[in-house]
N, C-alpha and C. Protein backbone atom coordinates (compact mmCIF):
# COMPACT_ATOMS: atom_id res chain seq x y z
N MET A 1 -17.15 30.16 14.95
CA MET A 1 -15.99 29.63 15.63
C MET A 1 -16.08 28.12 15.76
N THR A 2 -17.25 27.60 16.00
CA THR A 2 -17.40 26.16 16.18
C THR A 2 -17.15 25.41 14.88
N ALA A 3 -17.59 25.96 13.76
CA ALA A 3 -17.37 25.31 12.48
C ALA A 3 -15.89 25.30 12.14
N THR A 4 -15.19 26.36 12.45
CA THR A 4 -13.75 26.42 12.19
C THR A 4 -13.01 25.39 13.03
N LEU A 5 -13.41 25.26 14.30
CA LEU A 5 -12.79 24.27 15.18
C LEU A 5 -13.09 22.85 14.70
N ALA A 6 -14.31 22.61 14.25
CA ALA A 6 -14.68 21.29 13.74
C ALA A 6 -13.88 20.94 12.49
N LEU A 7 -13.69 21.91 11.59
CA LEU A 7 -12.89 21.66 10.39
C LEU A 7 -11.42 21.42 10.73
N LEU A 8 -10.92 22.13 11.72
CA LEU A 8 -9.54 21.92 12.14
C LEU A 8 -9.36 20.52 12.73
N ILE A 9 -10.29 20.10 13.54
CA ILE A 9 -10.23 18.74 14.10
C ILE A 9 -10.33 17.71 12.99
N PHE A 10 -11.20 17.92 12.03
CA PHE A 10 -11.34 17.02 10.89
C PHE A 10 -10.04 16.94 10.09
N ASP A 11 -9.41 18.08 9.85
CA ASP A 11 -8.15 18.11 9.11
C ASP A 11 -7.04 17.37 9.86
N VAL A 12 -6.99 17.56 11.16
CA VAL A 12 -5.96 16.87 11.95
C VAL A 12 -6.20 15.36 11.93
N LEU A 13 -7.45 14.95 12.03
CA LEU A 13 -7.77 13.51 11.96
C LEU A 13 -7.41 12.93 10.59
N MET A 14 -7.66 13.69 9.54
CA MET A 14 -7.27 13.22 8.21
C MET A 14 -5.76 13.07 8.09
N LEU A 15 -5.03 14.03 8.63
CA LEU A 15 -3.58 13.99 8.59
C LEU A 15 -3.04 12.80 9.38
N LEU A 16 -3.57 12.60 10.59
CA LEU A 16 -3.11 11.49 11.42
C LEU A 16 -3.43 10.14 10.77
N THR A 17 -4.59 10.03 10.16
CA THR A 17 -4.95 8.80 9.46
C THR A 17 -4.02 8.56 8.28
N LEU A 18 -3.72 9.61 7.53
CA LEU A 18 -2.81 9.49 6.40
C LEU A 18 -1.42 9.04 6.85
N LEU A 19 -0.92 9.64 7.92
CA LEU A 19 0.39 9.24 8.45
C LEU A 19 0.36 7.81 8.98
N GLY A 20 -0.73 7.43 9.63
CA GLY A 20 -0.86 6.05 10.11
C GLY A 20 -0.86 5.04 8.98
N LEU A 21 -1.57 5.36 7.90
CA LEU A 21 -1.57 4.47 6.74
C LEU A 21 -0.19 4.37 6.11
N ALA A 22 0.53 5.48 6.07
CA ALA A 22 1.88 5.47 5.49
C ALA A 22 2.81 4.60 6.33
N VAL A 23 2.76 4.75 7.64
CA VAL A 23 3.62 3.95 8.51
C VAL A 23 3.24 2.47 8.42
N ALA A 24 1.95 2.17 8.41
CA ALA A 24 1.51 0.79 8.32
C ALA A 24 1.93 0.16 6.99
N THR A 25 1.86 0.94 5.92
CA THR A 25 2.26 0.43 4.61
C THR A 25 3.75 0.13 4.58
N LEU A 26 4.55 1.03 5.10
CA LEU A 26 5.99 0.85 5.06
C LEU A 26 6.49 -0.22 6.02
N SER A 27 5.78 -0.45 7.11
CA SER A 27 6.24 -1.43 8.10
C SER A 27 5.65 -2.82 7.90
N SER A 28 4.79 -2.99 6.93
CA SER A 28 4.17 -4.29 6.69
C SER A 28 5.18 -5.25 6.07
N ARG A 29 5.22 -6.46 6.59
CA ARG A 29 6.15 -7.47 6.06
C ARG A 29 5.51 -8.31 4.96
N ASP A 30 4.21 -8.40 4.93
CA ASP A 30 3.50 -9.17 3.91
C ASP A 30 3.29 -8.28 2.69
N PRO A 31 3.80 -8.68 1.52
CA PRO A 31 3.66 -7.82 0.33
C PRO A 31 2.20 -7.56 -0.07
N ARG A 32 1.34 -8.55 0.10
CA ARG A 32 -0.07 -8.35 -0.28
C ARG A 32 -0.74 -7.33 0.64
N ARG A 33 -0.46 -7.44 1.92
CA ARG A 33 -1.03 -6.49 2.88
C ARG A 33 -0.49 -5.08 2.62
N ALA A 34 0.79 -4.98 2.30
CA ALA A 34 1.39 -3.68 2.00
C ALA A 34 0.75 -3.07 0.76
N ALA A 35 0.45 -3.90 -0.25
CA ALA A 35 -0.18 -3.39 -1.47
C ALA A 35 -1.59 -2.89 -1.17
N ILE A 36 -2.32 -3.60 -0.35
CA ILE A 36 -3.68 -3.17 0.00
C ILE A 36 -3.64 -1.88 0.82
N LEU A 37 -2.69 -1.79 1.72
CA LEU A 37 -2.53 -0.56 2.50
C LEU A 37 -2.11 0.60 1.61
N PHE A 38 -1.30 0.32 0.59
CA PHE A 38 -0.91 1.36 -0.36
C PHE A 38 -2.12 1.89 -1.12
N ILE A 39 -3.02 1.01 -1.51
CA ILE A 39 -4.24 1.43 -2.20
C ILE A 39 -5.09 2.29 -1.27
N ALA A 40 -5.22 1.86 -0.02
CA ALA A 40 -5.99 2.65 0.96
C ALA A 40 -5.33 4.02 1.17
N PHE A 41 -4.00 4.05 1.22
CA PHE A 41 -3.28 5.31 1.36
C PHE A 41 -3.57 6.23 0.17
N GLY A 42 -3.54 5.70 -1.05
CA GLY A 42 -3.81 6.50 -2.23
C GLY A 42 -5.23 7.05 -2.26
N LEU A 43 -6.18 6.23 -1.85
CA LEU A 43 -7.57 6.69 -1.82
C LEU A 43 -7.76 7.77 -0.75
N TRP A 44 -7.13 7.58 0.40
CA TRP A 44 -7.23 8.58 1.46
C TRP A 44 -6.54 9.88 1.05
N LEU A 45 -5.41 9.74 0.35
CA LEU A 45 -4.70 10.92 -0.13
C LEU A 45 -5.55 11.69 -1.14
N SER A 46 -6.33 10.97 -1.94
CA SER A 46 -7.21 11.67 -2.88
C SER A 46 -8.29 12.45 -2.12
N LEU A 47 -8.74 11.93 -0.98
CA LEU A 47 -9.68 12.70 -0.15
C LEU A 47 -9.01 13.95 0.42
N VAL A 48 -7.75 13.82 0.79
CA VAL A 48 -7.02 14.98 1.30
C VAL A 48 -6.90 16.04 0.21
N TRP A 49 -6.57 15.62 -1.01
CA TRP A 49 -6.47 16.57 -2.12
C TRP A 49 -7.81 17.24 -2.38
N ALA A 50 -8.89 16.48 -2.30
CA ALA A 50 -10.22 17.07 -2.49
C ALA A 50 -10.52 18.09 -1.39
N ARG A 51 -10.12 17.77 -0.17
CA ARG A 51 -10.34 18.70 0.95
C ARG A 51 -9.53 19.98 0.76
N LEU A 52 -8.36 19.87 0.13
CA LEU A 52 -7.53 21.04 -0.13
C LEU A 52 -8.01 21.87 -1.32
N GLY A 53 -9.06 21.39 -1.98
CA GLY A 53 -9.63 22.15 -3.09
C GLY A 53 -8.97 21.89 -4.43
N ALA A 54 -8.39 20.71 -4.60
CA ALA A 54 -7.76 20.36 -5.87
C ALA A 54 -8.42 19.09 -6.42
N PRO A 55 -9.61 19.23 -7.00
CA PRO A 55 -10.33 18.03 -7.45
C PRO A 55 -9.64 17.31 -8.60
N ASP A 56 -8.91 18.05 -9.46
CA ASP A 56 -8.22 17.40 -10.57
C ASP A 56 -7.09 16.52 -10.05
N VAL A 57 -6.36 16.99 -9.06
CA VAL A 57 -5.28 16.18 -8.47
C VAL A 57 -5.87 15.00 -7.71
N ALA A 58 -7.01 15.21 -7.06
CA ALA A 58 -7.66 14.13 -6.32
C ALA A 58 -8.10 13.02 -7.26
N LEU A 59 -8.68 13.38 -8.39
CA LEU A 59 -9.09 12.35 -9.36
C LEU A 59 -7.90 11.62 -9.95
N ALA A 60 -6.83 12.36 -10.24
CA ALA A 60 -5.62 11.73 -10.79
C ALA A 60 -5.01 10.78 -9.76
N GLU A 61 -4.97 11.19 -8.51
CA GLU A 61 -4.42 10.33 -7.45
C GLU A 61 -5.25 9.06 -7.29
N ALA A 62 -6.56 9.21 -7.33
CA ALA A 62 -7.42 8.04 -7.17
C ALA A 62 -7.27 7.09 -8.35
N ALA A 63 -7.23 7.64 -9.56
CA ALA A 63 -7.17 6.78 -10.75
C ALA A 63 -5.79 6.19 -10.96
N ILE A 64 -4.77 7.02 -10.91
CA ILE A 64 -3.42 6.55 -11.23
C ILE A 64 -2.73 5.98 -9.99
N GLY A 65 -2.73 6.75 -8.91
CA GLY A 65 -2.01 6.33 -7.72
C GLY A 65 -2.61 5.09 -7.07
N ALA A 66 -3.87 5.17 -6.72
CA ALA A 66 -4.51 4.05 -6.03
C ALA A 66 -4.95 2.97 -7.01
N GLY A 67 -5.53 3.37 -8.14
CA GLY A 67 -6.08 2.38 -9.07
C GLY A 67 -5.02 1.63 -9.85
N LEU A 68 -4.35 2.31 -10.74
CA LEU A 68 -3.36 1.67 -11.61
C LEU A 68 -2.13 1.21 -10.83
N GLY A 69 -1.60 2.10 -9.99
CA GLY A 69 -0.42 1.74 -9.20
C GLY A 69 -0.71 0.58 -8.25
N GLY A 70 -1.86 0.62 -7.61
CA GLY A 70 -2.24 -0.47 -6.70
C GLY A 70 -2.40 -1.79 -7.41
N ALA A 71 -3.00 -1.77 -8.60
CA ALA A 71 -3.16 -3.01 -9.37
C ALA A 71 -1.80 -3.58 -9.78
N LEU A 72 -0.89 -2.72 -10.18
CA LEU A 72 0.45 -3.19 -10.56
C LEU A 72 1.20 -3.76 -9.36
N ILE A 73 1.09 -3.12 -8.22
CA ILE A 73 1.77 -3.60 -7.02
C ILE A 73 1.16 -4.92 -6.56
N LEU A 74 -0.16 -5.05 -6.62
CA LEU A 74 -0.80 -6.32 -6.27
C LEU A 74 -0.36 -7.44 -7.20
N SER A 75 -0.23 -7.13 -8.48
CA SER A 75 0.23 -8.13 -9.44
C SER A 75 1.67 -8.55 -9.14
N ALA A 76 2.52 -7.60 -8.80
CA ALA A 76 3.90 -7.92 -8.46
C ALA A 76 3.97 -8.75 -7.17
N ALA A 77 3.12 -8.43 -6.19
CA ALA A 77 3.10 -9.20 -4.95
C ALA A 77 2.64 -10.63 -5.21
N ARG A 78 1.67 -10.80 -6.10
CA ARG A 78 1.20 -12.14 -6.43
C ARG A 78 2.29 -12.94 -7.12
N ARG A 79 3.02 -12.30 -8.05
CA ARG A 79 4.12 -12.98 -8.73
C ARG A 79 5.24 -13.34 -7.77
N ALA A 80 5.53 -12.45 -6.83
CA ALA A 80 6.58 -12.72 -5.85
C ALA A 80 6.19 -13.90 -4.97
N ARG A 81 4.93 -13.96 -4.58
CA ARG A 81 4.47 -15.09 -3.75
C ARG A 81 4.52 -16.39 -4.52
N ALA A 82 4.11 -16.37 -5.80
CA ALA A 82 4.15 -17.58 -6.62
C ALA A 82 5.59 -18.03 -6.83
N SER A 83 6.50 -17.09 -7.01
CA SER A 83 7.90 -17.43 -7.20
C SER A 83 8.50 -18.05 -5.93
N SER A 84 8.18 -17.49 -4.78
CA SER A 84 8.72 -18.03 -3.53
C SER A 84 8.12 -19.40 -3.22
N GLN A 85 6.84 -19.62 -3.58
CA GLN A 85 6.23 -20.93 -3.37
C GLN A 85 6.82 -21.96 -4.31
N ALA A 86 7.15 -21.56 -5.54
CA ALA A 86 7.76 -22.49 -6.49
C ALA A 86 9.15 -22.89 -6.01
N LYS A 87 9.89 -21.94 -5.44
CA LYS A 87 11.21 -22.27 -4.91
C LYS A 87 11.10 -23.20 -3.72
N ALA A 88 10.08 -23.01 -2.90
CA ALA A 88 9.90 -23.87 -1.73
C ALA A 88 9.52 -25.29 -2.13
N ARG A 89 8.78 -25.43 -3.25
CA ARG A 89 8.36 -26.76 -3.69
C ARG A 89 9.42 -27.49 -4.50
N ALA A 90 10.42 -26.76 -4.97
CA ALA A 90 11.44 -27.38 -5.81
C ALA A 90 12.21 -28.43 -5.01
N PRO A 91 12.44 -29.59 -5.62
CA PRO A 91 13.17 -30.62 -4.89
C PRO A 91 14.63 -30.21 -4.69
N THR A 92 15.12 -30.52 -3.53
CA THR A 92 16.52 -30.21 -3.25
C THR A 92 17.37 -31.39 -3.66
N PRO A 93 18.52 -31.15 -4.24
CA PRO A 93 19.36 -32.27 -4.65
C PRO A 93 19.89 -33.01 -3.43
N PRO A 94 20.04 -34.32 -3.55
CA PRO A 94 20.56 -35.06 -2.39
C PRO A 94 22.01 -34.67 -2.09
N GLU A 95 22.34 -34.72 -0.83
CA GLU A 95 23.69 -34.37 -0.45
C GLU A 95 24.64 -35.50 -0.84
N ARG A 96 25.77 -35.10 -1.36
CA ARG A 96 26.78 -36.09 -1.75
C ARG A 96 27.75 -36.26 -0.60
N THR A 97 28.05 -37.47 -0.34
CA THR A 97 29.08 -37.74 0.64
C THR A 97 30.36 -38.07 -0.11
N PRO A 98 31.45 -37.52 0.33
CA PRO A 98 32.70 -37.81 -0.37
C PRO A 98 33.10 -39.27 -0.20
N PRO A 99 33.69 -39.85 -1.24
CA PRO A 99 34.10 -41.26 -1.12
C PRO A 99 35.19 -41.41 -0.06
N VAL A 100 35.14 -42.51 0.60
CA VAL A 100 36.10 -42.75 1.68
C VAL A 100 37.29 -43.50 1.18
């Protein structure tokens, strides 16, 4: 009975952590932080799949979801940051005053 209760508590903690990571990922305003949280979510989800007895899905989630997907999202966040910084550095044209 104690082992069953311990596994139930462990499963609930895994679920709560997974939901917390999902909410944190979706509510993050910084794209880089959101990408890192997405990678953590994918890795944690692969642990959940392993706990459910699906090692093939767990490996696929870790490799494709967290690994490849996370790298692509980090690259997109880096490009978005570089683009926004380039726009901020661009000189603004002087304001024209209409002739009097």
